[in-house]
Amino acid sequence: MPTAVRRKADVLTRAQHRRIGADLFNYTWTLLDRTERTADDEDEMLYAAHASRYHWGHAGTALNRSIAEWQISRVYATLKRPEPALYHARRSLEIARRNHLGRFYLAYAYEALARASAVAGETRARGRYLREARRIGSTVRDRDDRRMLLEDLATIS
């Protein structure tokens, strides 16, 4: 029987994990916002999103983890890779539901599911998730948050 691999103690502090997670999240957005990306840029964007989620897993809250999963789904949808986009959208929704994160984050998890379903060519699922995101989003109290969500929903074909 093989022996268990001994893991070293984490060399980063919680604060370092948080800073790196936030920096990588923001960096991923700079790549998402580009109108033209090389294959290397696309790889970098994907790796940065996953690395951000890794660090939030060590130092973040459920909210941070749900948002990070949402961002990974968005990256995969942008790259036209439906299966991982759907997987991470479901993870975002699961975390948001389990931790009662609120309407805004729940609506955005449905936004991710709608976007990933659109990439997958699943028009029924896309429509169902869009309706749910809009229904929940219409109850978001903050006007700017609600506007941002509706604008994002409008970009899903």
C-alpha atoms as a PDB file:
ATOM      1  CA  MET A   1       0.000   0.000   0.000  1.00  0.00           C
ATOM      2  CA  PRO A   2       1.469   3.371  -0.974  1.00  0.00           C
ATOM      3  CA  THR A   3       2.145   5.827   1.769  1.00  0.00           C
ATOM      4  CA  ALA A   4       0.254   9.089   1.898  1.00  0.00           C
ATOM      5  CA  VAL A   5       1.933  12.105   0.393  1.00  0.00           C
ATOM      6  CA  ARG A   6       3.026  14.461   3.104  1.00  0.00           C
ATOM      7  CA  ARG A   7       1.874  18.020   2.466  1.00  0.00           C
ATOM      8  CA  LYS A   8       3.929  20.982   3.528  1.00  0.00           C
ATOM      9  CA  ALA A   9       2.290  23.760   5.486  1.00  0.00           C
ATOM     10  CA  ASP A  10       0.899  26.577   3.382  1.00  0.00           C
ATOM     11  CA  VAL A  11       3.651  29.177   3.000  1.00  0.00           C
ATOM     12  CA  LEU A  12       1.229  32.005   2.210  1.00  0.00           C
ATOM     13  CA  THR A  13      -0.738  33.887   4.808  1.00  0.00           C
ATOM     14  CA  ARG A  14      -4.480  34.359   4.515  1.00  0.00           C
ATOM     15  CA  ALA A  15      -3.875  38.012   3.617  1.00  0.00           C
ATOM     16  CA  GLN A  16      -1.465  37.009   0.851  1.00  0.00           C
ATOM     17  CA  HIS A  17      -3.983  34.537  -0.569  1.00  0.00           C
ATOM     18  CA  ARG A  18      -6.647  37.275  -0.544  1.00  0.00           C
ATOM     19  CA  ARG A  19      -4.411  39.805  -2.264  1.00  0.00           C
ATOM     20  CA  ILE A  20      -3.293  37.333  -4.928  1.00  0.00           C
ATOM     21  CA  GLY A  21      -6.868  36.110  -5.468  1.00  0.00           C
ATOM     22  CA  ALA A  22      -8.105  39.672  -5.968  1.00  0.00           C
ATOM     23  CA  ASP A  23      -5.182  40.639  -8.212  1.00  0.00           C
ATOM     24  CA  LEU A  24      -5.692  37.583 -10.418  1.00  0.00           C
ATOM     25  CA  PHE A  25      -9.448  38.206 -10.584  1.00  0.00           C
ATOM     26  CA  ASN A  26      -8.822  41.765 -11.780  1.00  0.00           C
ATOM     27  CA  TYR A  27      -6.132  40.626 -14.209  1.00  0.00           C
ATOM     28  CA  THR A  28      -8.545  38.093 -15.693  1.00  0.00           C
ATOM     29  CA  TRP A  29     -10.969  40.965 -16.359  1.00  0.00           C
ATOM     30  CA  THR A  30      -8.314  42.916 -18.234  1.00  0.00           C
ATOM     31  CA  LEU A  31      -7.963  39.920 -20.535  1.00  0.00           C
ATOM     32  CA  LEU A  32     -11.732  39.417 -20.840  1.00  0.00           C
ATOM     33  CA  ASP A  33     -12.136  43.081 -21.821  1.00  0.00           C
ATOM     34  CA  ARG A  34      -9.721  42.829 -24.736  1.00  0.00           C
ATOM     35  CA  THR A  35     -11.379  42.835 -28.132  1.00  0.00           C
ATOM     36  CA  GLU A  36      -8.568  40.771 -29.618  1.00  0.00           C
ATOM     37  CA  ARG A  37      -6.704  38.017 -27.825  1.00  0.00           C
ATOM     38  CA  THR A  38      -3.974  35.652 -28.943  1.00  0.00           C
ATOM     39  CA  ALA A  39      -4.063  31.964 -28.057  1.00  0.00           C
ATOM     40  CA  ASP A  40      -1.485  32.751 -25.365  1.00  0.00           C
ATOM     41  CA  ASP A  41      -3.759  35.493 -23.988  1.00  0.00           C
ATOM     42  CA  GLU A  42      -6.638  33.032 -23.848  1.00  0.00           C
ATOM     43  CA  ASP A  43      -4.531  30.493 -21.965  1.00  0.00           C
ATOM     44  CA  GLU A  44      -3.336  33.209 -19.604  1.00  0.00           C
ATOM     45  CA  MET A  45      -6.928  34.321 -18.973  1.00  0.00           C
ATOM     46  CA  LEU A  46      -8.004  30.776 -18.162  1.00  0.00           C
ATOM     47  CA  TYR A  47      -5.047  30.090 -15.883  1.00  0.00           C
ATOM     48  CA  ALA A  48      -5.486  33.401 -14.072  1.00  0.00           C
ATOM     49  CA  ALA A  49      -9.186  32.730 -13.416  1.00  0.00           C
ATOM     50  CA  HIS A  50      -8.454  29.278 -12.018  1.00  0.00           C
ATOM     51  CA  ALA A  51      -5.559  30.570  -9.932  1.00  0.00           C
ATOM     52  CA  SER A  52      -7.776  33.309  -8.517  1.00  0.00           C
ATOM     53  CA  ARG A  53     -10.335  30.691  -7.469  1.00  0.00           C
ATOM     54  CA  TYR A  54      -7.574  28.621  -5.869  1.00  0.00           C
ATOM     55  CA  HIS A  55      -6.474  31.537  -3.701  1.00  0.00           C
ATOM     56  CA  TRP A  56     -10.060  32.469  -2.787  1.00  0.00           C
ATOM     57  CA  GLY A  57     -10.494  28.860  -1.723  1.00  0.00           C
ATOM     58  CA  HIS A  58      -7.764  29.404   0.850  1.00  0.00           C
ATOM     59  CA  ALA A  59      -8.729  32.829   2.116  1.00  0.00           C
ATOM     60  CA  GLY A  60     -12.095  33.903   0.823  1.00  0.00           C
ATOM     61  CA  THR A  61     -15.679  33.645   1.871  1.00  0.00           C
ATOM     62  CA  ALA A  62     -18.421  31.712   0.154  1.00  0.00           C
ATOM     63  CA  LEU A  63     -19.197  34.933  -1.696  1.00  0.00           C
ATOM     64  CA  ASN A  64     -15.638  35.133  -3.059  1.00  0.00           C
ATOM     65  CA  ARG A  65     -15.757  31.481  -4.116  1.00  0.00           C
ATOM     66  CA  SER A  66     -19.123  31.860  -5.860  1.00  0.00           C
ATOM     67  CA  ILE A  67     -17.918  34.930  -7.758  1.00  0.00           C
ATOM     68  CA  ALA A  68     -14.687  33.172  -8.716  1.00  0.00           C
ATOM     69  CA  GLU A  69     -16.638  30.193 -10.068  1.00  0.00           C
ATOM     70  CA  TRP A  70     -18.838  32.628 -11.992  1.00  0.00           C
ATOM     71  CA  GLN A  71     -15.752  34.270 -13.519  1.00  0.00           C
ATOM     72  CA  ILE A  72     -14.288  30.922 -14.563  1.00  0.00           C
ATOM     73  CA  SER A  73     -17.584  30.087 -16.248  1.00  0.00           C
ATOM     74  CA  ARG A  74     -17.505  33.442 -18.042  1.00  0.00           C
ATOM     75  CA  VAL A  75     -13.976  32.770 -19.292  1.00  0.00           C
ATOM     76  CA  TYR A  76     -14.929  29.332 -20.618  1.00  0.00           C
ATOM     77  CA  ALA A  77     -18.048  30.760 -22.276  1.00  0.00           C
ATOM     78  CA  THR A  78     -15.916  33.471 -23.896  1.00  0.00           C
ATOM     79  CA  LEU A  79     -13.620  30.731 -25.168  1.00  0.00           C
ATOM     80  CA  LYS A  80     -16.654  28.809 -26.528  1.00  0.00           C
ATOM     81  CA  ARG A  81     -16.052  25.826 -24.233  1.00  0.00           C
ATOM     82  CA  PRO A  82     -19.539  24.934 -22.996  1.00  0.00           C
ATOM     83  CA  GLU A  83     -18.905  21.898 -20.795  1.00  0.00           C
ATOM     84  CA  PRO A  84     -16.528  23.575 -18.316  1.00  0.00           C
ATOM     85  CA  ALA A  85     -18.558  26.806 -18.558  1.00  0.00           C
ATOM     86  CA  LEU A  86     -21.651  24.894 -17.437  1.00  0.00           C
ATOM     87  CA  TYR A  87     -19.753  23.074 -14.707  1.00  0.00           C
ATOM     88  CA  HIS A  88     -18.429  26.274 -13.122  1.00  0.00           C
ATOM     89  CA  ALA A  89     -21.769  28.063 -13.511  1.00  0.00           C
ATOM     90  CA  ARG A  90     -23.414  25.202 -11.587  1.00  0.00           C
ATOM     91  CA  ARG A  91     -20.732  25.475  -8.898  1.00  0.00           C
ATOM     92  CA  SER A  92     -21.399  29.225  -8.620  1.00  0.00           C
ATOM     93  CA  LEU A  93     -25.125  28.572  -8.211  1.00  0.00           C
ATOM     94  CA  GLU A  94     -24.560  25.782  -5.701  1.00  0.00           C
ATOM     95  CA  ILE A  95     -22.333  27.966  -3.519  1.00  0.00           C
ATOM     96  CA  ALA A  96     -24.717  30.936  -3.772  1.00  0.00           C
ATOM     97  CA  ARG A  97     -27.726  28.817  -2.795  1.00  0.00           C
ATOM     98  CA  ARG A  98     -26.036  26.868  -0.024  1.00  0.00           C
ATOM     99  CA  ASN A  99     -24.718  30.045   1.590  1.00  0.00           C
ATOM    100  CA  HIS A 100     -27.769  32.266   0.999  1.00  0.00           C
ATOM    101  CA  LEU A 101     -25.646  34.881  -0.745  1.00  0.00           C
ATOM    102  CA  GLY A 102     -28.540  37.006  -1.857  1.00  0.00           C
ATOM    103  CA  ARG A 103     -30.488  37.804  -4.963  1.00  0.00           C
ATOM    104  CA  PHE A 104     -27.778  39.631  -6.879  1.00  0.00           C
ATOM    105  CA  TYR A 105     -25.313  36.724  -6.679  1.00  0.00           C
ATOM    106  CA  LEU A 106     -28.005  34.142  -7.280  1.00  0.00           C
ATOM    107  CA  ALA A 107     -29.159  36.035 -10.385  1.00  0.00           C
ATOM    108  CA  TYR A 108     -25.575  36.185 -11.646  1.00  0.00           C
ATOM    109  CA  ALA A 109     -25.182  32.438 -11.183  1.00  0.00           C
ATOM    110  CA  TYR A 110     -28.223  32.027 -13.438  1.00  0.00           C
ATOM    111  CA  GLU A 111     -26.644  34.528 -15.856  1.00  0.00           C
ATOM    112  CA  ALA A 112     -23.615  32.223 -16.050  1.00  0.00           C
ATOM    113  CA  LEU A 113     -25.846  29.221 -16.671  1.00  0.00           C
ATOM    114  CA  ALA A 114     -27.705  31.081 -19.422  1.00  0.00           C
ATOM    115  CA  ARG A 115     -24.458  32.186 -21.082  1.00  0.00           C
ATOM    116  CA  ALA A 116     -22.939  28.708 -20.895  1.00  0.00           C
ATOM    117  CA  SER A 117     -26.158  27.149 -22.224  1.00  0.00           C
ATOM    118  CA  ALA A 118     -26.114  29.588 -25.144  1.00  0.00           C
ATOM    119  CA  VAL A 119     -22.548  28.524 -25.979  1.00  0.00           C
ATOM    120  CA  ALA A 120     -23.660  24.891 -25.756  1.00  0.00           C
ATOM    121  CA  GLY A 121     -26.501  25.564 -28.188  1.00  0.00           C
ATOM    122  CA  GLU A 122     -29.069  24.610 -25.542  1.00  0.00           C
ATOM    123  CA  THR A 123     -31.695  27.241 -26.390  1.00  0.00           C
ATOM    124  CA  ARG A 124     -34.375  25.923 -24.034  1.00  0.00           C
ATOM    125  CA  ALA A 125     -32.013  25.905 -21.068  1.00  0.00           C
ATOM    126  CA  ARG A 126     -30.671  29.335 -22.072  1.00  0.00           C
ATOM    127  CA  GLY A 127     -34.201  30.740 -22.105  1.00  0.00           C
ATOM    128  CA  ARG A 128     -35.103  29.135 -18.793  1.00  0.00           C
ATOM    129  CA  TYR A 129     -31.973  30.466 -17.073  1.00  0.00           C
ATOM    130  CA  LEU A 130     -32.405  33.920 -18.604  1.00  0.00           C
ATOM    131  CA  ARG A 131     -35.974  34.093 -17.300  1.00  0.00           C
ATOM    132  CA  GLU A 132     -34.849  33.012 -13.842  1.00  0.00           C
ATOM    133  CA  ALA A 133     -31.989  35.524 -13.803  1.00  0.00           C
ATOM    134  CA  ARG A 134     -34.375  38.298 -14.863  1.00  0.00           C
ATOM    135  CA  ARG A 135     -37.009  37.243 -12.337  1.00  0.00           C
ATOM    136  CA  ILE A 136     -34.541  37.229  -9.467  1.00  0.00           C
ATOM    137  CA  GLY A 137     -32.680  40.253 -10.810  1.00  0.00           C
ATOM    138  CA  SER A 138     -35.857  42.327 -10.875  1.00  0.00           C
ATOM    139  CA  THR A 139     -35.956  42.027  -7.076  1.00  0.00           C
ATOM    140  CA  VAL A 140     -32.388  43.305  -6.555  1.00  0.00           C
ATOM    141  CA  ARG A 141     -32.754  46.510  -4.579  1.00  0.00           C
ATOM    142  CA  ASP A 142     -29.592  48.304  -5.656  1.00  0.00           C
ATOM    143  CA  ARG A 143     -30.398  50.084  -8.922  1.00  0.00           C
ATOM    144  CA  ASP A 144     -26.797  49.985 -10.225  1.00  0.00           C
ATOM    145  CA  ASP A 145     -26.462  46.261  -9.485  1.00  0.00           C
ATOM    146  CA  ARG A 146     -29.794  45.581 -11.190  1.00  0.00           C
ATOM    147  CA  ARG A 147     -28.778  47.658 -14.231  1.00  0.00           C
ATOM    148  CA  MET A 148     -25.412  45.891 -14.513  1.00  0.00           C
ATOM    149  CA  LEU A 149     -27.096  42.485 -14.377  1.00  0.00           C
ATOM    150  CA  LEU A 150     -29.671  43.403 -17.015  1.00  0.00           C
ATOM    151  CA  GLU A 151     -26.951  44.768 -19.284  1.00  0.00           C
ATOM    152  CA  ASP A 152     -24.992  41.525 -18.950  1.00  0.00           C
ATOM    153  CA  LEU A 153     -28.113  39.473 -19.619  1.00  0.00           C
ATOM    154  CA  ALA A 154     -28.705  41.481 -22.808  1.00  0.00           C
ATOM    155  CA  THR A 155     -25.334  40.299 -24.174  1.00  0.00           C
ATOM    156  CA  ILE A 156     -26.378  36.647 -24.155  1.00  0.00           C
ATOM    157  CA  SER A 157     -27.444  35.613 -27.634  1.00  0.00           C
END
